């Protein structure tokens, strides 16, 4: 599987991920686990994604605390943008949505999503606390710019259910493929922890 990228770099052109997991939304698929409490201020989620449908919502990674006031989602929206938000004590706290749309059902692409509320205001702007990379490249154009207060205790990695391929409370199932999925507790990693550019500028696992 491969994505596309404009930059060049060194990478292993021969390395391939051999297997992926197919999600069929009509089967209501989900992977779920109830987490113990971890680092709610700093974490990284990464995966290779291939959509099978456009124009419908695909939940990639969600957290659900049993009611609508305590939840989070990383999702491909029905308008085909990527969005992230967390609802903490009844308030949506991290509304983020890309201007770029992801409508190619023929190609794999890699997502690296970084949440790090510990970035200090004297060193970083607020947008540095939520970072998104597609195929190794930083996304900087948003219809909703990333927002996060310093040292915010989010819902992800807290003691609640976390789900891959389904939305909070049982809706918006994934329809497509996921491979090489990682959730890293306590570290804000770059996409180069998960892949690299090959000799032609393509981002590979």
Protein backbone atom coordinates (compact mmCIF):
# COMPACT_ATOMS: atom_id res chain seq x y z
CA UNK A 1 0.00 0.00 0.00
CA UNK A 2 1.22 3.46 -0.81
CA UNK A 3 0.19 7.08 -0.54
CA UNK A 4 1.51 10.09 -2.41
CA UNK A 5 3.77 12.91 -1.29
CA UNK A 6 5.61 15.78 -2.89
CA UNK A 7 8.73 15.61 -0.75
CA UNK A 8 11.53 13.17 -1.27
CA UNK A 9 13.53 11.25 1.28
CA UNK A 10 15.00 7.92 2.07
CA UNK A 11 12.82 4.87 2.54
CA UNK A 12 12.60 1.17 1.89
CA UNK A 13 10.91 0.87 -1.51
CA UNK A 14 10.40 -2.87 -1.00
CA UNK A 15 8.59 -2.86 2.36
CA UNK A 16 4.87 -3.64 2.21
CA UNK A 17 2.20 -4.28 4.84
CA UNK A 18 0.76 -7.66 3.92
CA UNK A 19 -2.68 -7.57 5.58
CA UNK A 20 -5.48 -5.14 6.36
CA UNK A 21 -8.85 -5.30 8.07
CA UNK A 22 -12.01 -4.82 5.98
CA UNK A 23 -14.89 -2.90 7.56
CA UNK A 24 -18.32 -3.33 5.92
CA UNK A 25 -20.74 -0.77 7.38
CA UNK A 26 -23.83 -2.95 6.84
CA UNK A 27 -22.27 -5.52 9.19
CA UNK A 28 -21.87 -2.82 11.88
CA UNK A 29 -18.19 -3.64 12.48
CA UNK A 30 -16.22 -2.35 15.46
CA UNK A 31 -13.07 -3.00 17.45
CA UNK A 32 -13.49 -1.84 21.03
CA UNK A 33 -11.68 -1.86 24.32
CA UNK A 34 -12.27 -0.27 27.69
CA UNK A 35 -9.07 1.57 28.55
CA UNK A 36 -7.48 2.02 31.91
CA UNK A 37 -6.53 5.62 32.64
CA UNK A 38 -3.49 6.74 30.66
CA UNK A 39 -2.02 10.03 29.52
CA UNK A 40 -4.99 12.20 28.52
CA UNK A 41 -2.76 15.14 27.52
CA UNK A 42 -0.40 13.51 25.03
CA UNK A 43 -0.98 10.68 22.54
CA UNK A 44 -0.61 9.75 18.87
CA UNK A 45 -2.93 7.76 16.59
CA UNK A 46 -1.73 6.50 13.20
CA UNK A 47 -3.12 4.20 10.51
CA UNK A 48 -3.29 3.43 6.82
CA UNK A 49 -6.82 4.07 5.52
CA UNK A 50 -8.67 3.18 2.33
CA UNK A 51 -12.28 4.26 1.91
CA UNK A 52 -14.90 2.17 0.12
CA UNK A 53 -17.61 4.85 0.14
CA UNK A 54 -17.74 8.63 -0.01
CA UNK A 55 -20.47 10.97 1.14
CA UNK A 56 -21.04 9.03 4.36
CA UNK A 57 -19.45 9.36 7.78
CA UNK A 58 -16.67 6.96 8.71
CA UNK A 59 -15.60 6.90 12.35
CA UNK A 60 -11.93 6.05 12.63
CA UNK A 61 -11.22 6.28 16.35
CA UNK A 62 -13.69 7.29 19.06
CA UNK A 63 -13.92 7.48 22.85
CA UNK A 64 -17.24 7.18 24.66
CA UNK A 65 -17.86 7.66 28.37
CA UNK A 66 -21.44 6.41 28.40
CA UNK A 67 -23.20 9.70 27.65
CA UNK A 68 -23.06 12.46 25.06
CA UNK A 69 -21.29 14.86 27.44
CA UNK A 70 -18.10 12.77 27.56
CA UNK A 71 -16.89 11.61 24.19
CA UNK A 72 -14.43 12.18 21.36
CA UNK A 73 -14.12 11.35 17.71
CA UNK A 74 -11.63 11.26 14.87
CA UNK A 75 -13.74 10.85 11.76
CA UNK A 76 -14.06 11.13 8.01
CA UNK A 77 -17.16 13.32 7.77
CA UNK A 78 -20.01 12.87 5.28
CA UNK A 79 -18.58 15.82 3.32
CA UNK A 80 -15.29 13.81 3.11
CA UNK A 81 -13.21 16.08 5.35
CA UNK A 82 -11.31 14.77 8.38
CA UNK A 83 -12.57 16.10 11.71
CA UNK A 84 -11.66 15.76 15.38
CA UNK A 85 -13.43 16.91 18.53
CA UNK A 86 -13.87 16.06 22.19
CA UNK A 87 -16.84 16.82 24.40
CA UNK A 88 -15.70 17.37 27.96
CA UNK A 89 -18.33 17.98 30.63
CA UNK A 90 -20.89 18.90 27.99
CA UNK A 91 -18.64 21.32 26.06
CA UNK A 92 -17.05 20.62 22.67
CA UNK A 93 -13.43 21.54 23.26
CA UNK A 94 -11.27 20.71 20.21
CA UNK A 95 -13.24 21.34 17.04
CA UNK A 96 -10.92 20.69 14.08
CA UNK A 97 -11.84 20.06 10.44
CA UNK A 98 -9.77 20.00 7.25
CA UNK A 99 -10.48 21.99 4.11
CA UNK A 100 -9.02 19.15 2.06
CA UNK A 101 -11.47 16.40 1.15
CA UNK A 102 -10.63 12.71 0.87
CA UNK A 103 -12.70 11.13 -1.90
CA UNK A 104 -10.34 8.69 -3.59
CA UNK A 105 -11.65 5.17 -2.97
CA UNK A 106 -8.87 3.58 -5.04
CA UNK A 107 -5.86 4.63 -2.96
CA UNK A 108 -4.49 4.08 0.52
CA UNK A 109 -3.41 7.10 2.55
CA UNK A 110 -1.70 7.43 5.90
CA UNK A 111 -3.01 9.45 8.83
CA UNK A 112 -0.87 10.55 11.77
CA UNK A 113 -2.87 12.45 14.38
CA UNK A 114 -1.10 14.03 17.36
CA UNK A 115 -2.81 15.40 20.48
CA UNK A 116 -0.42 17.19 22.85
CA UNK A 117 -1.99 19.77 25.13
CA UNK A 118 1.28 20.17 27.04
CA UNK A 119 2.83 22.44 24.40
CA UNK A 120 3.47 25.69 26.26
CA UNK A 121 2.10 29.04 24.98
CA UNK A 122 5.47 30.77 25.14
CA UNK A 123 6.87 28.22 22.67
CA UNK A 124 3.93 27.18 20.53
CA UNK A 125 0.68 28.59 19.21
CA UNK A 126 -2.54 26.81 20.09
CA UNK A 127 -2.66 24.97 16.75
CA UNK A 128 0.54 23.11 17.66
CA UNK A 129 -1.32 21.12 20.31
CA UNK A 130 -3.35 19.28 17.65
CA UNK A 131 -1.42 18.19 14.57
CA UNK A 132 -2.51 16.17 11.55
CA UNK A 133 -0.28 14.62 8.89
CA UNK A 134 -1.44 12.93 5.69
CA UNK A 135 1.11 10.75 3.87
CA UNK A 136 3.89 12.28 5.94
CA UNK A 137 2.97 15.91 5.24
CA UNK A 138 1.56 18.41 7.75
CA UNK A 139 -2.01 19.57 7.12
CA UNK A 140 -2.27 23.33 7.67
CA UNK A 141 -5.55 24.29 5.98
CA UNK A 142 -8.66 23.93 8.15
CA UNK A 143 -12.25 25.14 7.99
CA UNK A 144 -12.17 24.79 11.78
CA UNK A 145 -8.64 25.56 12.98
CA UNK A 146 -7.20 23.28 15.66
CA UNK A 147 -7.89 24.61 19.15
CA UNK A 148 -6.80 23.28 22.51
CA UNK A 149 -6.09 24.95 25.83
CA UNK A 150 -2.81 24.23 27.55
CA UNK A 151 -2.71 20.98 29.56
CA UNK A 152 -6.28 20.07 28.67
CA UNK A 153 -7.28 16.67 30.08
CA UNK A 154 -9.06 15.09 27.14
CA UNK A 155 -11.34 12.07 26.89
CA UNK A 156 -9.02 9.91 24.85
CA UNK A 157 -6.89 7.58 26.95
CA UNK A 158 -9.14 8.02 29.98
CA UNK A 159 -10.95 5.10 31.62
CA UNK A 160 -13.73 4.61 29.07
CA UNK A 161 -14.57 2.67 25.93
CA UNK A 162 -12.44 3.35 22.85
CA UNK A 163 -13.60 2.15 19.46
CA UNK A 164 -12.11 1.74 16.00
CA UNK A 165 -14.54 1.75 13.09
CA UNK A 166 -17.64 3.00 14.94
CA UNK A 167 -19.01 6.21 16.39
CA UNK A 168 -19.99 6.98 19.94
CA UNK A 169 -23.05 5.09 21.09
CA UNK A 170 -23.19 2.76 18.07
CA UNK A 171 -23.42 4.71 14.81
CA UNK A 172 -21.49 5.75 11.68
CA UNK A 173 -19.60 2.53 11.08
CA UNK A 174 -16.49 2.49 8.94
CA UNK A 175 -16.78 1.23 5.37
CA UNK A 176 -13.32 0.56 4.01
CA UNK A 177 -9.95 -0.78 5.08
CA UNK A 178 -7.57 -0.06 7.95
CA UNK A 179 -4.04 -1.37 8.38
CA UNK A 180 -1.06 -0.89 10.70
CA UNK A 181 -3.11 0.98 13.31
CA UNK A 182 -1.20 2.43 16.27
CA UNK A 183 -2.25 4.25 19.43
CA UNK A 184 0.74 5.60 21.36
CA UNK A 185 0.16 6.57 24.98
CA UNK A 186 2.14 9.57 26.25
CA UNK A 187 4.16 10.39 23.12
CA UNK A 188 3.69 13.02 20.41
CA UNK A 189 5.29 11.30 17.41
CA UNK A 190 5.99 12.44 13.87
CA UNK A 191 4.74 10.46 10.86
CA UNK A 192 8.30 9.20 10.39
CA UNK A 193 7.79 6.91 13.37
CA UNK A 194 5.42 4.98 11.07
CA UNK A 195 6.75 5.44 7.55
CA UNK A 196 9.19 7.19 5.25
CA UNK A 197 9.49 8.63 1.76
CA UNK A 198 10.96 6.35 -0.87
CA UNK A 199 13.28 7.38 -3.69
CA UNK A 200 10.35 8.66 -5.78
CA UNK A 201 8.80 10.77 -3.02
CA UNK A 202 6.03 8.33 -2.09
CA UNK A 203 5.26 7.83 1.60
CA UNK A 204 5.48 4.13 2.51
CA UNK A 205 5.07 2.06 5.68
